[in-house]
C-alpha atoms as a PDB file:
ATOM      1  CA  MET A   1     102.651-133.478 -28.294  1.00  0.00           C
ATOM      2  CA  ARG A   2      99.929-131.588 -30.145  1.00  0.00           C
ATOM      3  CA  PRO A   3      98.585-128.497 -28.414  1.00  0.00           C
ATOM      4  CA  ARG A   4      95.032-128.820 -27.016  1.00  0.00           C
ATOM      5  CA  LEU A   5      92.608-126.585 -28.841  1.00  0.00           C
ATOM      6  CA  PRO A   6      90.035-124.636 -26.801  1.00  0.00           C
ATOM      7  CA  LYS A   7      86.503-125.994 -26.875  1.00  0.00           C
ATOM      8  CA  LEU A   8      84.103-124.015 -28.976  1.00  0.00           C
ATOM      9  CA  THR A   9      80.710-123.135 -27.478  1.00  0.00           C
ATOM     10  CA  ARG A  10      77.908-123.675 -29.875  1.00  0.00           C
ATOM     11  CA  ARG A  11      75.672-120.746 -30.399  1.00  0.00           C
ATOM     12  CA  PRO A  12      71.958-121.537 -30.040  1.00  0.00           C
ATOM     13  CA  ARG A  13      70.224-122.169 -33.273  1.00  0.00           C
ATOM     14  CA  PRO A  14      67.756-119.493 -34.403  1.00  0.00           C
ATOM     15  CA  ALA A  15      64.762-121.786 -33.728  1.00  0.00           C
ATOM     16  CA  THR A  16      65.994-122.492 -30.202  1.00  0.00           C
ATOM     17  CA  ARG A  17      66.452-118.785 -29.502  1.00  0.00           C
ATOM     18  CA  ARG A  18      62.939-118.038 -30.715  1.00  0.00           C
ATOM     19  CA  ARG A  19      61.500-120.788 -28.549  1.00  0.00           C
ATOM     20  CA  THR A  20      63.385-119.471 -25.513  1.00  0.00           C
ATOM     21  CA  ARG A  21      62.127-115.925 -26.087  1.00  0.00           C
ATOM     22  CA  TRP A  22      58.556-117.222 -26.477  1.00  0.00           C
ATOM     23  CA  LEU A  23      58.749-119.159 -23.216  1.00  0.00           C
ATOM     24  CA  ARG A  24      60.105-116.105 -21.405  1.00  0.00           C
ATOM     25  CA  ARG A  25      57.231-114.007 -22.694  1.00  0.00           C
ATOM     26  CA  VAL A  26      54.696-116.616 -21.601  1.00  0.00           C
ATOM     27  CA  VAL A  27      56.205-116.735 -18.108  1.00  0.00           C
ATOM     28  CA  VAL A  28      56.172-112.941 -17.835  1.00  0.00           C
ATOM     29  CA  ALA A  29      52.560-112.801 -19.064  1.00  0.00           C
ATOM     30  CA  VAL A  30      51.466-115.447 -16.549  1.00  0.00           C
ATOM     31  CA  VAL A  31      53.180-113.576 -13.715  1.00  0.00           C
ATOM     32  CA  VAL A  32      51.555-110.271 -14.746  1.00  0.00           C
ATOM     33  CA  VAL A  33      48.091-111.846 -14.987  1.00  0.00           C
ATOM     34  CA  ALA A  34      48.548-113.531 -11.596  1.00  0.00           C
ATOM     35  CA  VAL A  35      49.550-110.242  -9.992  1.00  0.00           C
ATOM     36  CA  LEU A  36      46.596-108.417 -11.543  1.00  0.00           C
ATOM     37  CA  LEU A  37      44.150-111.130 -10.510  1.00  0.00           C
ATOM     38  CA  THR A  38      45.502-111.197  -6.974  1.00  0.00           C
ATOM     39  CA  GLY A  39      45.376-107.417  -6.695  1.00  0.00           C
ATOM     40  CA  GLY A  40      41.875-107.303  -8.154  1.00  0.00           C
ATOM     41  CA  THR A  41      40.645-110.022  -5.826  1.00  0.00           C
ATOM     42  CA  LEU A  42      42.044-108.321  -2.738  1.00  0.00           C
ATOM     43  CA  ALA A  43      40.561-104.991  -3.824  1.00  0.00           C
ATOM     44  CA  SER A  44      37.141-106.606  -4.316  1.00  0.00           C
ATOM     45  CA  VAL A  45      37.293-108.323  -0.927  1.00  0.00           C
ATOM     46  CA  HIS A  46      38.280-105.050   0.764  1.00  0.00           C
ATOM     47  CA  TRP A  47      35.469-103.139  -0.961  1.00  0.00           C
ATOM     48  CA  ILE A  48      32.837-105.765  -0.199  1.00  0.00           C
ATOM     49  CA  ARG A  49      33.832-106.124   3.455  1.00  0.00           C
ATOM     50  CA  GLY A  50      34.058-102.369   3.879  1.00  0.00           C
ATOM     51  CA  GLY A  51      30.489-102.002   2.671  1.00  0.00           C
ATOM     52  CA  ALA A  52      29.256-104.033   5.629  1.00  0.00           C
ATOM     53  CA  ASP A  53      31.162-102.099   8.309  1.00  0.00           C
ATOM     54  CA  GLY A  54      28.804-101.086  11.089  1.00  0.00           C
ATOM     55  CA  HIS A  55      25.999-103.309   9.822  1.00  0.00           C
ATOM     56  CA  ILE A  56      26.856-106.705  11.318  1.00  0.00           C
ATOM     57  CA  PHE A  57      25.406-107.520  14.721  1.00  0.00           C
ATOM     58  CA  THR A  58      24.706-110.268  17.205  1.00  0.00           C
ATOM     59  CA  GLU A  59      21.133-111.495  17.584  1.00  0.00           C
ATOM     60  CA  ARG A  60      20.848-109.544  20.814  1.00  0.00           C
ATOM     61  CA  ASP A  61      22.102-106.242  19.429  1.00  0.00           C
ATOM     62  CA  VAL A  62      20.709-106.185  15.886  1.00  0.00           C
ATOM     63  CA  PRO A  63      18.196-103.361  15.352  1.00  0.00           C
ATOM     64  CA  GLU A  64      14.605-104.315  14.683  1.00  0.00           C
ATOM     65  CA  ALA A  65      13.560-104.664  11.045  1.00  0.00           C
ATOM     66  CA  PRO A  66      10.299-105.647   9.381  1.00  0.00           C
ATOM     67  CA  VAL A  67      11.782-108.647   7.578  1.00  0.00           C
ATOM     68  CA  ALA A  68      14.459-111.295   8.026  1.00  0.00           C
ATOM     69  CA  LEU A  69      15.927-112.276   4.663  1.00  0.00           C
ATOM     70  CA  VAL A  70      17.204-115.844   4.988  1.00  0.00           C
ATOM     71  CA  LEU A  71      19.485-116.925   2.155  1.00  0.00           C
ATOM     72  CA  GLY A  72      19.182-120.498   0.984  1.00  0.00           C
ATOM     73  CA  THR A  73      21.846-123.172   0.770  1.00  0.00           C
ATOM     74  CA  LYS A  74      22.024-126.954   0.505  1.00  0.00           C
ATOM     75  CA  VAL A  75      18.998-129.146   1.169  1.00  0.00           C
ATOM     76  CA  HIS A  76      19.466-132.917   1.503  1.00  0.00           C
ATOM     77  CA  PRO A  77      17.753-135.297  -0.969  1.00  0.00           C
ATOM     78  CA  ASP A  78      15.169-136.218   1.678  1.00  0.00           C
ATOM     79  CA  GLY A  79      14.140-132.546   1.900  1.00  0.00           C
ATOM     80  CA  THR A  80      15.781-131.728   5.221  1.00  0.00           C
ATOM     81  CA  PRO A  81      17.938-128.599   5.488  1.00  0.00           C
ATOM     82  CA  SER A  82      21.697-129.055   5.774  1.00  0.00           C
ATOM     83  CA  PRO A  83      23.322-128.004   9.074  1.00  0.00           C
ATOM     84  CA  PHE A  84      24.419-124.741   7.450  1.00  0.00           C
ATOM     85  CA  LEU A  85      20.855-123.948   6.424  1.00  0.00           C
ATOM     86  CA  THR A  86      19.451-125.105   9.761  1.00  0.00           C
ATOM     87  CA  GLY A  87      21.756-122.638  11.525  1.00  0.00           C
ATOM     88  CA  ARG A  88      20.328-119.796   9.460  1.00  0.00           C
ATOM     89  CA  LEU A  89      16.745-120.876  10.032  1.00  0.00           C
ATOM     90  CA  GLU A  90      17.237-121.164  13.784  1.00  0.00           C
ATOM     91  CA  ILE A  91      18.458-117.559  13.927  1.00  0.00           C
ATOM     92  CA  ALA A  92      15.459-116.370  11.899  1.00  0.00           C
ATOM     93  CA  ARG A  93      13.091-118.298  14.166  1.00  0.00           C
ATOM     94  CA  ARG A  94      14.563-116.646  17.255  1.00  0.00           C
ATOM     95  CA  LEU A  95      14.509-113.176  15.682  1.00  0.00           C
ATOM     96  CA  LEU A  96      10.808-113.612  14.991  1.00  0.00           C
ATOM     97  CA  ALA A  97      10.113-114.994  18.463  1.00  0.00           C
ATOM     98  CA  THR A  98      11.839-112.059  20.174  1.00  0.00           C
ATOM     99  CA  GLY A  99      10.142-109.442  17.992  1.00  0.00           C
ATOM    100  CA  LYS A 100      13.307-108.393  16.189  1.00  0.00           C
ATOM    101  CA  VAL A 101      11.506-109.094  12.894  1.00  0.00           C
ATOM    102  CA  ARG A 102       7.839-109.549  11.984  1.00  0.00           C
ATOM    103  CA  ALA A 103       8.102-111.648   8.821  1.00  0.00           C
ATOM    104  CA  ILE A 104      10.623-113.959   7.179  1.00  0.00           C
ATOM    105  CA  LEU A 105      11.504-113.997   3.475  1.00  0.00           C
ATOM    106  CA  LEU A 106      13.080-117.306   2.456  1.00  0.00           C
ATOM    107  CA  SER A 107      15.112-116.901  -0.719  1.00  0.00           C
ATOM    108  CA  GLY A 108      16.611-119.950  -2.389  1.00  0.00           C
ATOM    109  CA  ASP A 109      16.935-122.195  -5.401  1.00  0.00           C
ATOM    110  CA  ASN A 110      13.889-123.892  -6.915  1.00  0.00           C
ATOM    111  CA  MET A 111      15.083-123.962 -10.517  1.00  0.00           C
ATOM    112  CA  ASN A 112      14.690-127.747 -10.621  1.00  0.00           C
ATOM    113  CA  PRO A 113      11.289-129.218  -9.634  1.00  0.00           C
ATOM    114  CA  ASP A 114      13.099-131.933  -7.664  1.00  0.00           C
ATOM    115  CA  TYR A 115      15.078-129.421  -5.581  1.00  0.00           C
ATOM    116  CA  ASP A 116      13.256-126.770  -3.569  1.00  0.00           C
ATOM    117  CA  GLU A 117      15.209-124.842  -0.929  1.00  0.00           C
ATOM    118  CA  PRO A 118      12.463-122.355   0.058  1.00  0.00           C
ATOM    119  CA  ALA A 119       9.843-125.087   0.574  1.00  0.00           C
ATOM    120  CA  ALA A 120      12.234-127.079   2.762  1.00  0.00           C
ATOM    121  CA  MET A 121      13.031-123.924   4.736  1.00  0.00           C
ATOM    122  CA  ARG A 122       9.354-123.129   5.330  1.00  0.00           C
ATOM    123  CA  ARG A 123       8.641-126.719   6.369  1.00  0.00           C
ATOM    124  CA  TRP A 124      11.417-126.561   8.967  1.00  0.00           C
ATOM    125  CA  LEU A 125      10.180-123.245  10.360  1.00  0.00           C
ATOM    126  CA  VAL A 126       6.550-124.385  10.563  1.00  0.00           C
ATOM    127  CA  ASP A 127       7.625-127.649  12.205  1.00  0.00           C
ATOM    128  CA  ASN A 128       9.476-125.531  14.760  1.00  0.00           C
ATOM    129  CA  GLY A 129       6.546-123.355  15.730  1.00  0.00           C
ATOM    130  CA  VAL A 130       6.546-120.501  13.184  1.00  0.00           C
ATOM    131  CA  SER A 131       3.182-119.533  11.707  1.00  0.00           C
ATOM    132  CA  ALA A 132       3.072-120.163   7.955  1.00  0.00           C
ATOM    133  CA  THR A 133       1.392-116.771   7.520  1.00  0.00           C
ATOM    134  CA  ARG A 134       4.605-115.049   8.638  1.00  0.00           C
ATOM    135  CA  VAL A 135       6.740-116.827   6.030  1.00  0.00           C
ATOM    136  CA  VAL A 136       7.179-115.811   2.393  1.00  0.00           C
ATOM    137  CA  LEU A 137       8.960-117.845  -0.279  1.00  0.00           C
ATOM    138  CA  ASP A 138      11.218-116.551  -3.040  1.00  0.00           C
ATOM    139  CA  PRO A 139      11.925-119.543  -5.319  1.00  0.00           C
ATOM    140  CA  ALA A 140      14.305-117.660  -7.624  1.00  0.00           C
ATOM    141  CA  GLY A 141      17.065-116.668  -5.213  1.00  0.00           C
ATOM    142  CA  PHE A 142      19.689-118.465  -7.284  1.00  0.00           C
ATOM    143  CA  ASP A 143      22.575-116.547  -5.740  1.00  0.00           C
ATOM    144  CA  THR A 144      23.160-113.775  -3.226  1.00  0.00           C
ATOM    145  CA  TYR A 145      22.826-111.009  -5.801  1.00  0.00           C
ATOM    146  CA  ASP A 146      19.526-112.395  -7.129  1.00  0.00           C
ATOM    147  CA  SER A 147      18.137-112.795  -3.605  1.00  0.00           C
ATOM    148  CA  CYS A 148      18.934-109.194  -2.667  1.00  0.00           C
ATOM    149  CA  ALA A 149      17.752-107.756  -5.983  1.00  0.00           C
ATOM    150  CA  ARG A 150      14.471-109.665  -5.862  1.00  0.00           C
ATOM    151  CA  ALA A 151      13.888-108.766  -2.201  1.00  0.00           C
ATOM    152  CA  LYS A 152      13.889-105.121  -3.273  1.00  0.00           C
ATOM    153  CA  ARG A 153      12.397-105.211  -6.769  1.00  0.00           C
ATOM    154  CA  VAL A 154       9.921-108.086  -6.525  1.00  0.00           C
ATOM    155  CA  TYR A 155       8.950-108.206  -2.842  1.00  0.00           C
ATOM    156  CA  GLY A 156       9.275-104.494  -2.040  1.00  0.00           C
ATOM    157  CA  VAL A 157      11.607-104.966   0.940  1.00  0.00           C
ATOM    158  CA  GLU A 158      13.052-101.642   2.071  1.00  0.00           C
ATOM    159  CA  ARG A 159      14.681-102.713   5.345  1.00  0.00           C
ATOM    160  CA  ALA A 160      15.799-106.186   6.411  1.00  0.00           C
ATOM    161  CA  THR A 161      18.013-108.289   8.624  1.00  0.00           C
ATOM    162  CA  VAL A 162      20.034-110.661   6.447  1.00  0.00           C
ATOM    163  CA  VAL A 163      20.721-114.095   7.920  1.00  0.00           C
ATOM    164  CA  THR A 164      23.471-116.421   6.710  1.00  0.00           C
ATOM    165  CA  GLN A 165      26.796-117.842   7.924  1.00  0.00           C
ATOM    166  CA  SER A 166      29.208-115.282   9.348  1.00  0.00           C
ATOM    167  CA  PHE A 167      31.820-115.763   6.598  1.00  0.00           C
ATOM    168  CA  HIS A 168      29.154-114.989   3.969  1.00  0.00           C
ATOM    169  CA  LEU A 169      27.527-112.132   5.842  1.00  0.00           C
ATOM    170  CA  PRO A 170      29.702-109.152   4.748  1.00  0.00           C
ATOM    171  CA  ARG A 171      29.085-109.949   1.082  1.00  0.00           C
ATOM    172  CA  ALA A 172      25.364-110.502   1.596  1.00  0.00           C
ATOM    173  CA  VAL A 173      24.902-107.283   3.570  1.00  0.00           C
ATOM    174  CA  THR A 174      26.941-105.191   1.132  1.00  0.00           C
ATOM    175  CA  VAL A 175      25.140-106.536  -1.925  1.00  0.00           C
ATOM    176  CA  CYS A 176      21.737-105.876  -0.367  1.00  0.00           C
ATOM    177  CA  ARG A 177      22.712-102.372   0.689  1.00  0.00           C
ATOM    178  CA  ARG A 178      24.137-101.537  -2.746  1.00  0.00           C
ATOM    179  CA  LEU A 179      20.877-102.723  -4.314  1.00  0.00           C
ATOM    180  CA  GLY A 180      18.745-100.443  -2.181  1.00  0.00           C
ATOM    181  CA  VAL A 181      17.836-102.553   0.850  1.00  0.00           C
ATOM    182  CA  ASP A 182      18.680-100.944   4.203  1.00  0.00           C
ATOM    183  CA  ALA A 183      20.240-104.152   5.494  1.00  0.00           C
ATOM    184  CA  ASN A 184      21.911-105.273   8.688  1.00  0.00           C
ATOM    185  CA  GLY A 185      23.046-108.831   9.254  1.00  0.00           C
ATOM    186  CA  VAL A 186      23.305-111.613  11.806  1.00  0.00           C
ATOM    187  CA  GLY A 187      25.667-114.502  11.160  1.00  0.00           C
ATOM    188  CA  ASP A 188      25.490-118.142  12.170  1.00  0.00           C
ATOM    189  CA  GLU A 189      28.526-119.693  13.864  1.00  0.00           C
ATOM    190  CA  THR A 190      27.097-123.085  14.825  1.00  0.00           C
ATOM    191  CA  ALA A 191      28.097-124.640  11.490  1.00  0.00           C
ATOM    192  CA  ARG A 192      31.729-123.854  12.258  1.00  0.00           C
ATOM    193  CA  ARG A 193      31.904-127.314  13.844  1.00  0.00           C
ATOM    194  CA  TYR A 194      31.986-128.686  10.300  1.00  0.00           C
ATOM    195  CA  ASP A 195      35.536-127.430  10.056  1.00  0.00           C
ATOM    196  CA  ARG A 196      36.521-128.636   6.596  1.00  0.00           C
ATOM    197  CA  THR A 197      33.340-127.391   4.880  1.00  0.00           C
ATOM    198  CA  TRP A 198      33.568-124.097   6.757  1.00  0.00           C
ATOM    199  CA  ARG A 199      37.178-123.545   5.634  1.00  0.00           C
ATOM    200  CA  ILE A 200      36.412-124.410   2.008  1.00  0.00           C
ATOM    201  CA  SER A 201      33.387-122.122   1.943  1.00  0.00           C
ATOM    202  CA  SER A 202      35.322-119.302   3.599  1.00  0.00           C
ATOM    203  CA  THR A 203      38.061-119.592   0.976  1.00  0.00           C
ATOM    204  CA  ARG A 204      35.513-119.475  -1.833  1.00  0.00           C
ATOM    205  CA  GLU A 205      34.379-116.093  -0.553  1.00  0.00           C
ATOM    206  CA  TYR A 206      37.397-114.495  -2.250  1.00  0.00           C
ATOM    207  CA  GLY A 207      36.144-115.469  -5.676  1.00  0.00           C
ATOM    208  CA  ALA A 208      32.562-114.735  -4.705  1.00  0.00           C
ATOM    209  CA  CYS A 209      33.536-111.187  -3.742  1.00  0.00           C
ATOM    210  CA  VAL A 210      34.987-110.644  -7.221  1.00  0.00           C
ATOM    211  CA  LYS A 211      31.749-111.884  -8.808  1.00  0.00           C
ATOM    212  CA  ALA A 212      29.670-109.694  -6.483  1.00  0.00           C
ATOM    213  CA  THR A 213      31.750-106.666  -7.409  1.00  0.00           C
ATOM    214  CA  LEU A 214      31.256-107.339 -11.130  1.00  0.00           C
ATOM    215  CA  ASP A 215      27.522-107.898 -10.619  1.00  0.00           C
ATOM    216  CA  LEU A 216      27.157-104.611  -8.754  1.00  0.00           C
ATOM    217  CA  ILE A 217      29.202-102.673 -11.289  1.00  0.00           C
ATOM    218  CA  SER A 218      27.221-104.106 -14.200  1.00  0.00           C
ATOM    219  CA  GLY A 219      23.890-103.694 -12.413  1.00  0.00           C
ATOM    220  CA  ARG A 220      22.610-106.870 -14.061  1.00  0.00           C
ATOM    221  CA  ASP A 221      19.040-108.015 -13.685  1.00  0.00           C
ATOM    222  CA  PRO A 222      18.404-111.178 -11.657  1.00  0.00           C
ATOM    223  CA  ALA A 223      18.261-114.419 -13.635  1.00  0.00           C
ATOM    224  CA  HIS A 224      14.486-114.302 -13.140  1.00  0.00           C
ATOM    225  CA  LEU A 225      12.726-111.070 -12.251  1.00  0.00           C
ATOM    226  CA  GLY A 226       9.015-111.641 -12.781  1.00  0.00           C
ATOM    227  CA  ARG A 227       6.087-109.590 -11.564  1.00  0.00           C
ATOM    228  CA  ARG A 228       5.785-107.703  -8.292  1.00  0.00           C
ATOM    229  CA  GLU A 229       4.694-109.861  -5.334  1.00  0.00           C
ATOM    230  CA  THR A 230       2.762-108.726  -2.257  1.00  0.00           C
ATOM    231  CA  GLY A 231       3.637-111.667  -0.012  1.00  0.00           C
ATOM    232  CA  VAL A 232       5.874-109.702   2.339  1.00  0.00           C
ATOM    233  CA  GLN A 233       3.319-106.919   2.790  1.00  0.00           C
ATOM    234  CA  ASP A 234       0.593-109.511   3.426  1.00  0.00           C
ATOM    235  CA  ALA A 235       2.750-111.234   6.073  1.00  0.00           C
ATOM    236  CA  LEU A 236       3.482-107.920   7.777  1.00  0.00           C
ATOM    237  CA  ARG A 237      -0.217-107.066   7.887  1.00  0.00           C
ATOM    238  CA  ASP A 238      -0.899-110.476   9.437  1.00  0.00           C
ATOM    239  CA  ALA A 239       1.732-109.762  12.061  1.00  0.00           C
END
């Protein structure tokens, strides 16, 4: 009987070894990038939220301010505000009615002639008893940073109460404060009943905090700056 020879293990071919090394490097690079992105995101969120500490209040407790800055969001095709926007507008209406503010600056997107957030916001407020002379429109509030920057640089707002949903409020207050507006904030909770949309929007805040951090570090100009407007001062004089 012939003796059984031991099996020989084939050594990987050079091309296979190179491919294996390349894949390992790709995996390591992906892991490193993921760790850096995660760490950077968490750092941005912590910095943004920390900037709003001590400046978020209930409607009852918020200090008086000359202006309520209401940030825009979705308007339906028929021109009616979405529930999220309605929640913000209702808070602003009550702040004005109780004397917590004396004018309302509505900042939203009117980049497209067929989509006008500020006009829809004013229409809702006027329909609900607010004098049109107390309302000012900013049609170039394309994002939170632009709204805060324009409130300061275009409309001359020095002190304001920012109104938005509660998950968005820390970012909005911090951005405004970093851009020179002495801002406090009041957050809407009524839209929380739209659970799925609320959860999705809350999750998006992580990425939005990174963008806000980069915007503040770069000190970019708003997408549209334009000339100085006196609408807020006129509304305050009317008040």
